[in-house]
Amino acid sequence: MYGSKRHGFPRPHGWLDPSCMYVGTLSFDLLLGDVRSLKEKRSVVRPIVAELHRKFAVSVAEVGDQDLHRRATIGLAVVSGDTGHLTEVMDRCERLVAARPEVELLSVRRRLHGDDD
């Protein structure tokens, strides 16, 4: 096989190792605006979750603070064989959440997991 380490040929520049997989995760800690009930909270959080999933094909869900009506934690994961693509998708997701006027982004936790983890 061309480019295989097994046969001693060098891999072409930019070649991705097909056995490598990277997982990127984001955790958003959000403060919701004028929300007075859990029902109102759902009407704010669900569209954000749906838009992230639709636009970026990521796995995303509300993962914390479900019992607090003014706070939300949204978790997101994306899988790729290319760390550059992974970082770009996570950057775009973070910008989308930060730009939402109905929430204040308090913090973001970002992690990148590789085969060596």
N, C-alpha and C. Protein backbone atom coordinates (compact mmCIF):
# COMPACT_ATOMS: atom_id res chain seq x y z
N MET A 1 0.84 -1.17 0.00
CA MET A 1 0.00 0.00 0.00
C MET A 1 0.90 1.24 0.00
N TYR A 2 0.65 2.19 -0.92
CA TYR A 2 1.48 3.38 -1.00
C TYR A 2 1.31 4.22 0.26
N GLY A 3 2.39 4.74 0.75
CA GLY A 3 2.35 5.61 1.91
C GLY A 3 2.30 4.86 3.22
N SER A 4 2.40 3.58 3.18
CA SER A 4 2.31 2.79 4.40
C SER A 4 3.66 2.75 5.09
N LYS A 5 3.65 2.92 6.38
CA LYS A 5 4.88 2.80 7.16
C LYS A 5 5.42 1.38 7.05
N ARG A 6 4.49 0.43 6.90
CA ARG A 6 4.86 -0.98 6.87
C ARG A 6 5.78 -1.28 5.69
N HIS A 7 5.58 -0.58 4.54
CA HIS A 7 6.39 -0.83 3.37
C HIS A 7 7.55 0.15 3.21
N GLY A 8 7.72 1.04 4.19
CA GLY A 8 8.87 1.92 4.18
C GLY A 8 8.73 3.16 3.31
N PHE A 9 7.59 3.38 2.67
CA PHE A 9 7.40 4.57 1.86
C PHE A 9 6.97 5.73 2.75
N PRO A 10 7.47 6.91 2.45
CA PRO A 10 7.01 8.06 3.25
C PRO A 10 5.56 8.41 2.89
N ARG A 11 4.86 8.93 3.85
CA ARG A 11 3.49 9.36 3.61
C ARG A 11 3.51 10.74 2.97
N PRO A 12 2.62 10.99 2.01
CA PRO A 12 2.55 12.32 1.41
C PRO A 12 2.16 13.36 2.46
N HIS A 13 2.58 14.61 2.23
CA HIS A 13 2.26 15.70 3.15
C HIS A 13 0.74 15.81 3.30
N GLY A 14 0.27 15.95 4.53
CA GLY A 14 -1.15 16.10 4.77
C GLY A 14 -1.89 14.77 4.90
N TRP A 15 -1.20 13.67 4.76
CA TRP A 15 -1.82 12.36 4.84
C TRP A 15 -2.33 12.13 6.26
N LEU A 16 -3.57 11.69 6.38
CA LEU A 16 -4.15 11.39 7.68
C LEU A 16 -4.06 9.91 7.93
N ASP A 17 -3.62 9.56 9.10
CA ASP A 17 -3.56 8.16 9.50
C ASP A 17 -4.99 7.66 9.68
N PRO A 18 -5.44 6.69 8.88
CA PRO A 18 -6.83 6.25 8.97
C PRO A 18 -7.18 5.59 10.30
N SER A 19 -6.18 5.26 11.09
CA SER A 19 -6.47 4.62 12.37
C SER A 19 -6.60 5.64 13.50
N CYS A 20 -6.34 6.93 13.21
CA CYS A 20 -6.43 7.95 14.25
C CYS A 20 -7.84 8.52 14.33
N MET A 21 -8.30 8.70 15.54
CA MET A 21 -9.60 9.30 15.77
C MET A 21 -9.44 10.31 16.89
N TYR A 22 -10.05 11.47 16.71
CA TYR A 22 -10.00 12.51 17.71
C TYR A 22 -11.43 12.88 18.09
N VAL A 23 -11.63 13.14 19.38
CA VAL A 23 -12.93 13.55 19.89
C VAL A 23 -12.74 14.89 20.59
N GLY A 24 -13.52 15.85 20.19
CA GLY A 24 -13.49 17.15 20.84
C GLY A 24 -14.77 17.35 21.63
N THR A 25 -14.64 17.88 22.84
CA THR A 25 -15.82 18.14 23.66
C THR A 25 -15.82 19.60 24.12
N LEU A 26 -17.01 20.15 24.19
CA LEU A 26 -17.22 21.49 24.73
C LEU A 26 -18.30 21.41 25.78
N SER A 27 -18.13 22.17 26.83
CA SER A 27 -19.16 22.30 27.86
C SER A 27 -19.39 23.78 28.07
N PHE A 28 -20.62 24.23 27.81
CA PHE A 28 -20.99 25.63 27.94
C PHE A 28 -21.76 25.84 29.23
N ASP A 29 -21.32 26.77 30.06
CA ASP A 29 -22.05 27.17 31.26
C ASP A 29 -22.76 28.47 30.92
N LEU A 30 -24.09 28.44 30.94
CA LEU A 30 -24.89 29.56 30.47
C LEU A 30 -25.72 30.17 31.59
N LEU A 31 -25.84 31.47 31.56
CA LEU A 31 -26.79 32.19 32.40
C LEU A 31 -27.88 32.68 31.47
N LEU A 32 -29.13 32.30 31.76
CA LEU A 32 -30.25 32.65 30.91
C LEU A 32 -30.79 34.00 31.32
N GLY A 33 -31.34 34.73 30.37
CA GLY A 33 -31.86 36.06 30.62
C GLY A 33 -33.12 36.04 31.47
N ASP A 34 -34.16 36.67 31.00
CA ASP A 34 -35.41 36.82 31.73
C ASP A 34 -36.23 35.53 31.66
N VAL A 35 -35.82 34.52 32.41
CA VAL A 35 -36.48 33.22 32.43
C VAL A 35 -37.00 33.00 33.85
N ARG A 36 -38.29 32.69 33.95
CA ARG A 36 -38.92 32.56 35.27
C ARG A 36 -39.41 31.16 35.59
N SER A 37 -39.27 30.24 34.64
CA SER A 37 -39.74 28.87 34.89
C SER A 37 -38.92 27.89 34.06
N LEU A 38 -39.05 26.62 34.41
CA LEU A 38 -38.34 25.59 33.64
C LEU A 38 -38.91 25.48 32.23
N LYS A 39 -40.20 25.76 32.07
CA LYS A 39 -40.82 25.74 30.74
C LYS A 39 -40.20 26.84 29.87
N GLU A 40 -40.02 28.03 30.40
CA GLU A 40 -39.38 29.12 29.65
C GLU A 40 -37.92 28.76 29.35
N LYS A 41 -37.27 28.10 30.30
CA LYS A 41 -35.89 27.69 30.10
C LYS A 41 -35.80 26.76 28.89
N ARG A 42 -36.69 25.78 28.80
CA ARG A 42 -36.70 24.86 27.66
C ARG A 42 -36.86 25.61 26.34
N SER A 43 -37.68 26.67 26.35
CA SER A 43 -37.90 27.43 25.11
C SER A 43 -36.67 28.21 24.68
N VAL A 44 -35.72 28.40 25.58
CA VAL A 44 -34.46 29.06 25.24
C VAL A 44 -33.39 28.02 24.88
N VAL A 45 -33.28 26.96 25.66
CA VAL A 45 -32.19 25.99 25.50
C VAL A 45 -32.41 25.09 24.29
N ARG A 46 -33.62 24.61 24.09
CA ARG A 46 -33.88 23.66 23.00
C ARG A 46 -33.51 24.20 21.63
N PRO A 47 -33.85 25.46 21.28
CA PRO A 47 -33.44 25.96 19.97
C PRO A 47 -31.92 26.06 19.80
N ILE A 48 -31.19 26.34 20.86
CA ILE A 48 -29.73 26.39 20.78
C ILE A 48 -29.18 25.00 20.50
N VAL A 49 -29.67 24.02 21.24
CA VAL A 49 -29.24 22.63 21.04
C VAL A 49 -29.57 22.18 19.61
N ALA A 50 -30.78 22.46 19.15
CA ALA A 50 -31.20 22.05 17.81
C ALA A 50 -30.36 22.71 16.72
N GLU A 51 -30.04 24.00 16.89
CA GLU A 51 -29.26 24.70 15.88
C GLU A 51 -27.82 24.17 15.81
N LEU A 52 -27.22 23.91 16.96
CA LEU A 52 -25.87 23.33 16.97
C LEU A 52 -25.87 21.99 16.25
N HIS A 53 -26.84 21.15 16.54
CA HIS A 53 -26.92 19.83 15.91
C HIS A 53 -27.13 19.95 14.40
N ARG A 54 -28.05 20.82 14.00
CA ARG A 54 -28.39 20.97 12.58
C ARG A 54 -27.24 21.58 11.78
N LYS A 55 -26.63 22.65 12.28
CA LYS A 55 -25.61 23.35 11.52
C LYS A 55 -24.27 22.63 11.47
N PHE A 56 -23.93 21.92 12.55
CA PHE A 56 -22.57 21.39 12.65
C PHE A 56 -22.50 19.87 12.77
N ALA A 57 -23.65 19.18 12.77
CA ALA A 57 -23.69 17.71 12.86
C ALA A 57 -22.91 17.19 14.06
N VAL A 58 -23.09 17.85 15.20
CA VAL A 58 -22.43 17.43 16.43
C VAL A 58 -23.45 16.76 17.34
N SER A 59 -22.98 16.01 18.30
CA SER A 59 -23.85 15.48 19.34
C SER A 59 -23.92 16.52 20.44
N VAL A 60 -25.12 16.88 20.83
CA VAL A 60 -25.28 17.99 21.78
C VAL A 60 -26.52 17.77 22.62
N ALA A 61 -26.43 18.15 23.91
CA ALA A 61 -27.57 17.99 24.82
C ALA A 61 -27.38 18.90 26.02
N GLU A 62 -28.49 19.19 26.69
CA GLU A 62 -28.41 19.86 27.98
C GLU A 62 -27.97 18.80 28.97
N VAL A 63 -26.87 19.05 29.67
CA VAL A 63 -26.28 18.01 30.51
C VAL A 63 -26.19 18.37 31.98
N GLY A 64 -26.59 19.57 32.33
CA GLY A 64 -26.48 19.94 33.74
C GLY A 64 -27.39 21.11 34.08
N ASP A 65 -27.56 21.31 35.37
CA ASP A 65 -28.38 22.40 35.89
C ASP A 65 -29.83 22.32 35.42
N GLN A 66 -30.33 21.10 35.20
CA GLN A 66 -31.70 20.95 34.71
C GLN A 66 -32.75 21.47 35.69
N ASP A 67 -32.43 21.50 36.96
CA ASP A 67 -33.42 21.93 37.95
C ASP A 67 -33.36 23.43 38.26
N LEU A 68 -32.42 24.15 37.65
CA LEU A 68 -32.30 25.60 37.85
C LEU A 68 -32.86 26.31 36.62
N HIS A 69 -33.76 27.26 36.82
CA HIS A 69 -34.39 27.87 35.66
C HIS A 69 -33.58 28.97 34.99
N ARG A 70 -32.56 29.51 35.63
CA ARG A 70 -31.75 30.56 35.00
C ARG A 70 -30.35 30.12 34.60
N ARG A 71 -30.03 28.85 34.83
CA ARG A 71 -28.70 28.32 34.46
C ARG A 71 -28.89 27.10 33.58
N ALA A 72 -27.93 26.88 32.69
CA ALA A 72 -27.94 25.70 31.84
C ALA A 72 -26.51 25.30 31.53
N THR A 73 -26.29 24.01 31.43
CA THR A 73 -25.02 23.48 30.96
C THR A 73 -25.32 22.65 29.72
N ILE A 74 -24.69 23.02 28.62
CA ILE A 74 -24.85 22.30 27.36
C ILE A 74 -23.54 21.61 27.05
N GLY A 75 -23.60 20.31 26.75
CA GLY A 75 -22.43 19.54 26.38
C GLY A 75 -22.48 19.19 24.90
N LEU A 76 -21.32 19.16 24.28
CA LEU A 76 -21.22 18.94 22.85
C LEU A 76 -20.02 18.05 22.57
N ALA A 77 -20.15 17.15 21.60
CA ALA A 77 -19.03 16.30 21.19
C ALA A 77 -19.00 16.19 19.68
N VAL A 78 -17.79 16.16 19.15
CA VAL A 78 -17.60 15.99 17.71
C VAL A 78 -16.42 15.04 17.49
N VAL A 79 -16.52 14.20 16.47
CA VAL A 79 -15.49 13.20 16.17
C VAL A 79 -14.93 13.49 14.78
N SER A 80 -13.60 13.39 14.65
CA SER A 80 -12.97 13.62 13.36
C SER A 80 -11.63 12.90 13.31
N GLY A 81 -11.14 12.69 12.13
CA GLY A 81 -9.81 12.14 11.95
C GLY A 81 -8.76 13.23 11.78
N ASP A 82 -9.19 14.49 11.85
CA ASP A 82 -8.32 15.63 11.60
C ASP A 82 -8.51 16.66 12.72
N THR A 83 -7.46 16.95 13.45
CA THR A 83 -7.57 17.89 14.58
C THR A 83 -7.87 19.31 14.10
N GLY A 84 -7.42 19.68 12.92
CA GLY A 84 -7.70 21.01 12.39
C GLY A 84 -9.20 21.19 12.15
N HIS A 85 -9.81 20.19 11.55
CA HIS A 85 -11.26 20.24 11.31
C HIS A 85 -12.01 20.27 12.63
N LEU A 86 -11.56 19.46 13.56
CA LEU A 86 -12.18 19.38 14.88
C LEU A 86 -12.15 20.74 15.57
N THR A 87 -11.02 21.38 15.57
CA THR A 87 -10.87 22.69 16.20
C THR A 87 -11.75 23.73 15.51
N GLU A 88 -11.82 23.68 14.19
CA GLU A 88 -12.64 24.64 13.45
C GLU A 88 -14.12 24.48 13.80
N VAL A 89 -14.61 23.26 13.86
CA VAL A 89 -16.01 23.02 14.20
C VAL A 89 -16.29 23.50 15.63
N MET A 90 -15.41 23.19 16.57
CA MET A 90 -15.62 23.62 17.95
C MET A 90 -15.58 25.14 18.07
N ASP A 91 -14.69 25.80 17.34
CA ASP A 91 -14.64 27.27 17.34
C ASP A 91 -15.95 27.86 16.83
N ARG A 92 -16.49 27.29 15.77
CA ARG A 92 -17.73 27.80 15.20
C ARG A 92 -18.90 27.58 16.15
N CYS A 93 -18.92 26.45 16.82
CA CYS A 93 -19.98 26.18 17.81
C CYS A 93 -19.90 27.18 18.95
N GLU A 94 -18.70 27.44 19.42
CA GLU A 94 -18.53 28.39 20.53
C GLU A 94 -18.97 29.79 20.12
N ARG A 95 -18.63 30.21 18.91
CA ARG A 95 -19.05 31.53 18.43
C ARG A 95 -20.57 31.63 18.32
N LEU A 96 -21.21 30.55 17.87
CA LEU A 96 -22.67 30.56 17.75
C LEU A 96 -23.32 30.76 19.11
N VAL A 97 -22.87 30.02 20.11
CA VAL A 97 -23.47 30.14 21.45
C VAL A 97 -23.17 31.51 22.04
N ALA A 98 -21.96 32.00 21.88
CA ALA A 98 -21.58 33.30 22.44
C ALA A 98 -22.38 34.44 21.81
N ALA A 99 -22.82 34.27 20.58
CA ALA A 99 -23.55 35.32 19.88
C ALA A 99 -25.04 35.35 20.19
N ARG A 100 -25.54 34.35 20.92
CA ARG A 100 -26.97 34.32 21.24
C ARG A 100 -27.29 35.40 22.26
N PRO A 101 -28.19 36.33 21.94
CA PRO A 101 -28.47 37.44 22.85
C PRO A 101 -29.26 37.03 24.09
N GLU A 102 -29.96 35.91 24.05
CA GLU A 102 -30.80 35.51 25.17
C GLU A 102 -30.04 34.78 26.28
N VAL A 103 -28.74 34.51 26.05
CA VAL A 103 -27.93 33.84 27.07
C VAL A 103 -26.62 34.59 27.26
N GLU A 104 -26.05 34.44 28.44
CA GLU A 104 -24.72 34.95 28.72
C GLU A 104 -23.81 33.73 28.91
N LEU A 105 -22.77 33.66 28.10
CA LEU A 105 -21.83 32.55 28.17
C LEU A 105 -20.85 32.82 29.32
N LEU A 106 -21.01 32.08 30.42
CA LEU A 106 -20.17 32.30 31.59
C LEU A 106 -18.80 31.64 31.45
N SER A 107 -18.79 30.41 30.90
CA SER A 107 -17.51 29.73 30.70
C SER A 107 -17.67 28.63 29.67
N VAL A 108 -16.53 28.25 29.10
CA VAL A 108 -16.48 27.16 28.13
C VAL A 108 -15.34 26.25 28.54
N ARG A 109 -15.62 24.97 28.60
CA ARG A 109 -14.57 23.98 28.87
C ARG A 109 -14.37 23.19 27.59
N ARG A 110 -13.14 23.18 27.09
CA ARG A 110 -12.81 22.51 25.83
C ARG A 110 -11.79 21.41 26.09
N ARG A 111 -12.06 20.26 25.51
CA ARG A 111 -11.10 19.14 25.64
C ARG A 111 -10.95 18.45 24.30
N LEU A 112 -9.75 17.97 24.04
CA LEU A 112 -9.45 17.23 22.83
C LEU A 112 -8.87 15.89 23.25
N HIS A 113 -9.48 14.83 22.79
CA HIS A 113 -9.06 13.47 23.14
C HIS A 113 -8.54 12.78 21.88
N GLY A 114 -7.40 12.12 22.00
CA GLY A 114 -6.83 11.38 20.88
C GLY A 114 -6.69 9.91 21.23
N ASP A 115 -6.16 9.16 20.29
CA ASP A 115 -5.97 7.72 20.50
C ASP A 115 -5.01 7.42 21.64
N ASP A 116 -4.13 8.36 21.95
CA ASP A 116 -3.14 8.13 23.00
C ASP A 116 -3.69 8.37 24.40
N ASP A 117 -4.92 8.90 24.51
CA ASP A 117 -5.51 9.19 25.82
C ASP A 117 -6.01 7.93 26.50
